Protein backbone atom coordinates (compact mmCIF):
# COMPACT_ATOMS: atom_id res chain seq x y z
CA MET A 1 0.00 0.00 0.00
CA LEU A 2 2.82 2.38 0.92
CA LYS A 3 4.63 1.48 -2.28
CA LEU A 4 1.54 2.30 -4.37
CA ARG A 5 1.10 5.61 -2.55
CA ASN A 6 4.75 6.55 -3.16
CA GLN A 7 4.36 5.61 -6.83
CA ARG A 8 1.33 7.91 -7.14
CA ILE A 9 3.22 10.76 -5.50
CA GLY A 10 6.13 10.16 -7.86
CA ILE A 11 3.81 10.12 -10.88
CA GLY A 12 2.15 13.33 -9.71
CA LEU A 13 5.50 15.07 -9.34
CA ALA A 14 6.63 13.80 -12.72
CA LEU A 15 3.41 15.04 -14.35
CA THR A 16 3.75 18.45 -12.73
CA MET A 17 7.36 18.79 -13.82
CA THR A 18 6.44 17.65 -17.34
CA SER A 19 3.75 20.31 -17.49
CA PHE A 20 6.19 22.98 -16.35
CA VAL A 21 8.84 21.93 -18.89
CA LEU A 22 6.27 21.85 -21.68
CA MET A 23 5.00 25.29 -20.68
CA GLN A 24 8.53 26.65 -20.86
CA PHE A 25 9.18 24.91 -24.19
CA SER A 26 5.97 26.19 -25.74
CA GLY A 27 6.86 29.71 -24.63
CA ALA A 28 10.22 29.44 -26.37
CA VAL A 29 8.71 28.38 -29.69
CA LYS A 30 5.70 30.71 -29.57
CA ALA A 31 4.93 32.57 -32.79
CA ALA A 32 6.05 36.19 -32.86
CA ASP A 33 2.57 37.37 -33.75
CA GLU A 34 0.07 35.75 -31.40
CA SER A 35 -2.84 36.74 -33.61
CA GLU A 36 -1.62 34.43 -36.38
CA ALA A 37 -2.74 30.85 -36.63
CA VAL A 38 -0.74 28.31 -34.67
CA GLY A 39 -0.34 25.08 -36.61
CA GLY A 40 -3.04 26.18 -39.04
CA ARG A 41 -5.49 26.75 -36.18
CA PRO A 42 -6.42 30.26 -35.04
CA VAL A 43 -5.41 31.27 -31.54
CA PHE A 44 -8.40 30.90 -29.23
CA ASN A 45 -8.43 31.93 -25.60
CA SER A 46 -11.22 29.75 -24.27
CA LEU A 47 -11.07 31.45 -20.87
CA GLU A 48 -11.32 35.08 -21.95
CA THR A 49 -15.00 35.45 -21.05
CA PHE A 50 -15.19 32.91 -18.23
CA GLN A 51 -16.28 34.60 -15.00
CA ILE A 52 -14.75 33.14 -11.87
CA ASN A 53 -16.22 33.36 -8.41
CA CYS A 54 -13.77 32.87 -5.57
CA ASP A 55 -14.70 32.71 -1.90
CA ALA A 56 -14.77 36.02 -0.05
CA ASP A 57 -13.39 34.49 3.12
CA GLY A 58 -10.06 36.01 3.77
CA VAL A 59 -7.65 38.86 4.00
CA ALA A 60 -4.01 38.94 3.01
CA SER A 61 -1.87 37.00 5.45
CA ASN A 62 1.15 39.25 4.89
CA ALA A 63 1.02 42.82 3.56
CA ALA A 64 4.49 42.65 1.98
CA THR A 65 3.68 39.40 0.18
CA ALA A 66 0.36 40.79 -1.00
CA GLU A 67 2.06 43.92 -2.35
CA HIS A 68 4.66 41.79 -4.14
CA ILE A 69 1.95 39.64 -5.76
CA VAL A 70 -0.06 42.65 -6.92
CA LYS A 71 3.06 44.30 -8.36
CA GLY A 72 4.07 41.10 -10.17
CA ALA A 73 0.57 40.54 -11.53
CA ASN A 74 0.61 44.02 -13.07
CA SER A 75 4.07 43.63 -14.61
CA THR A 76 4.65 43.96 -18.34
CA LYS A 77 6.92 40.88 -18.16
CA PRO A 78 5.11 37.55 -18.53
CA GLY A 79 7.61 35.80 -16.24
CA GLU A 80 6.79 38.18 -13.39
CA ARG A 81 3.05 37.70 -13.96
CA ILE A 82 3.56 33.92 -13.87
CA GLY A 83 5.56 34.25 -10.63
CA ALA A 84 2.81 36.31 -9.02
CA LEU A 85 0.17 33.78 -10.05
CA SER A 86 2.33 30.98 -8.68
CA GLN A 87 2.44 32.73 -5.30
CA LEU A 88 -1.29 33.40 -5.55
CA ALA A 89 -1.92 29.65 -5.80
CA VAL A 90 -1.47 29.56 -2.02
CA LYS A 91 -4.89 30.27 -0.56
CA GLY A 92 -5.02 33.17 1.86
CA VAL A 93 -1.92 35.07 0.72
CA LEU A 94 -4.16 37.77 -0.74
CA ASP A 95 -7.66 38.93 0.12
CA SER A 96 -10.28 37.18 -1.99
CA ALA A 97 -11.48 40.27 -3.85
CA SER A 98 -7.94 41.18 -4.97
CA ALA A 99 -7.16 37.56 -5.83
CA GLN A 100 -10.29 37.29 -7.95
CA LYS A 101 -9.47 40.54 -9.78
CA ILE A 102 -5.92 39.35 -10.58
CA LEU A 103 -7.09 35.91 -11.65
CA GLN A 104 -9.82 37.32 -13.89
CA ALA A 105 -7.30 39.61 -15.60
CA ALA A 106 -4.86 36.69 -16.01
CA LEU A 107 -7.50 34.72 -17.90
CA ARG A 108 -7.51 37.46 -20.54
CA ASP A 109 -3.70 37.58 -20.79
CA GLN A 110 -2.24 37.21 -24.28
CA ASP A 111 0.53 34.94 -22.96
CA ALA A 112 -0.61 31.31 -22.83
CA ASN A 113 1.82 30.51 -20.01
CA VAL A 114 0.25 33.23 -17.86
CA ARG A 115 -3.21 31.81 -18.56
CA ALA A 116 -1.96 28.32 -17.74
CA GLN A 117 -0.61 29.47 -14.37
CA ALA A 118 -3.93 31.23 -13.74
CA VAL A 119 -5.70 27.89 -14.30
CA HIS A 120 -3.59 26.32 -11.56
CA ALA A 121 -4.08 29.27 -9.18
CA ILE A 122 -7.85 29.27 -9.67
CA VAL A 123 -8.10 25.58 -8.86
CA GLN A 124 -5.92 26.07 -5.77
CA GLN A 125 -8.09 29.00 -4.63
CA SER A 126 -11.12 26.66 -4.71
CA CYS A 127 -13.12 29.04 -6.86
CA ALA A 128 -16.66 27.98 -7.73
CA ASP A 129 -17.33 25.74 -10.74
CA ASN A 130 -13.77 24.44 -11.02
CA ILE A 131 -14.86 21.47 -13.12
CA LEU A 132 -16.69 23.70 -15.62
CA PHE A 133 -13.68 25.98 -15.66
CA LEU A 134 -11.25 23.12 -16.35
CA GLY A 135 -13.54 21.80 -19.08
CA GLN A 136 -13.46 25.21 -20.71
CA ALA A 137 -9.66 25.36 -20.39
CA LEU A 138 -9.43 22.07 -22.31
CA ASN A 139 -10.83 23.95 -25.33
CA ASP A 140 -8.09 26.58 -25.39
CA SER A 141 -5.97 26.60 -28.55
CA GLU A 142 -2.75 26.90 -26.57
CA LEU A 143 -0.96 23.77 -25.35
CA PRO A 144 0.17 25.11 -21.94
CA VAL A 145 -3.42 25.96 -20.96
CA ARG A 146 -4.73 22.52 -21.94
CA LEU A 147 -1.84 20.76 -20.20
CA MET A 148 -2.45 22.69 -16.98
CA ALA A 149 -6.16 21.87 -17.16
CA VAL A 150 -5.43 18.16 -17.46
CA ASP A 151 -2.81 18.35 -14.71
CA ASN A 152 -5.32 19.97 -12.33
CA LEU A 153 -8.19 17.57 -12.99
CA ASN A 154 -9.10 15.32 -10.08
CA VAL A 155 -9.45 11.65 -10.86
CA ASP A 156 -13.10 11.44 -9.82
CA ASP A 157 -16.24 10.75 -11.88
CA THR A 158 -16.39 14.16 -13.55
CA GLY A 159 -12.61 14.47 -13.84
CA ILE A 160 -12.41 11.07 -15.50
CA GLN A 161 -14.93 12.18 -18.13
CA LEU A 162 -12.80 15.23 -18.96
CA LEU A 163 -9.60 13.16 -18.94
CA GLU A 164 -11.20 10.77 -21.41
CA GLN A 165 -12.12 13.78 -23.57
CA ALA A 166 -8.48 14.92 -23.40
CA LEU A 167 -7.41 11.55 -24.86
CA ASN A 168 -8.65 12.96 -28.19
CA ASP A 169 -6.66 16.21 -27.99
CA GLU A 170 -4.61 17.12 -31.05
CA ALA A 171 -1.43 17.43 -28.96
CA GLU A 172 0.37 14.25 -28.02
CA ALA A 173 1.53 15.76 -24.71
CA VAL A 174 -2.06 16.37 -23.60
CA ARG A 175 -3.11 12.85 -24.63
CA GLU A 176 -0.15 11.31 -22.79
CA LEU A 177 -0.76 13.29 -19.61
CA ALA A 178 -4.47 12.38 -19.63
CA ALA A 179 -3.62 8.71 -20.22
CA ALA A 180 -1.10 8.72 -17.37
CA LYS A 181 -3.65 10.19 -14.97
CA LEU A 182 -6.27 7.68 -16.08
CA ASP A 183 -3.72 4.92 -15.64
CA THR A 184 -3.36 5.88 -11.97
CA VAL A 185 -7.07 5.12 -11.55
CA SER A 186 -6.83 1.68 -13.08
CA THR A 187 -3.63 0.97 -11.13
CA SER A 188 -5.16 2.00 -7.80
CA THR A 189 -8.35 0.01 -8.39
CA GLY A 190 -6.40 -3.05 -9.51
CA HIS A 191 -7.85 -3.17 -13.05
């Protein structure tokens, strides 16, 4: 039992690291003009109009950290925006209203890696309708957003349905990540 648990933890870490590496790789090969088609397919931000609703249950736990996150989120540099969203993934580091405002803006970001990190932060903030949100993220034209959606899906009844949908994604990386997560279900149930 302990061995199986350690294997699942190892797989989870490997999947997370794979997602991060793929996000970095996709950023390096991104087309100079984001309005052009990528691989013959127009760029489509599936999250641009999605309205999130995060709990209004907290205040910033540290004023200096909150200020740093807000400054990073408003940066002109995508890497700084990603860093701020990464810090924002920890619930309670920023008051809910400010967190929701930053996350909503990040969903409209032109940089797919910023949107991908926003997907992770939103799930970690336990915003309402996470499963609908992740389903919508699976329709984004950008690989990092779809990878992050798959990586953040729980392996429960609804999550399994979306993972099975991701098995038909055009990108091999998304299909492989979905298959690996589904494989953890069959491994843990002994099938």
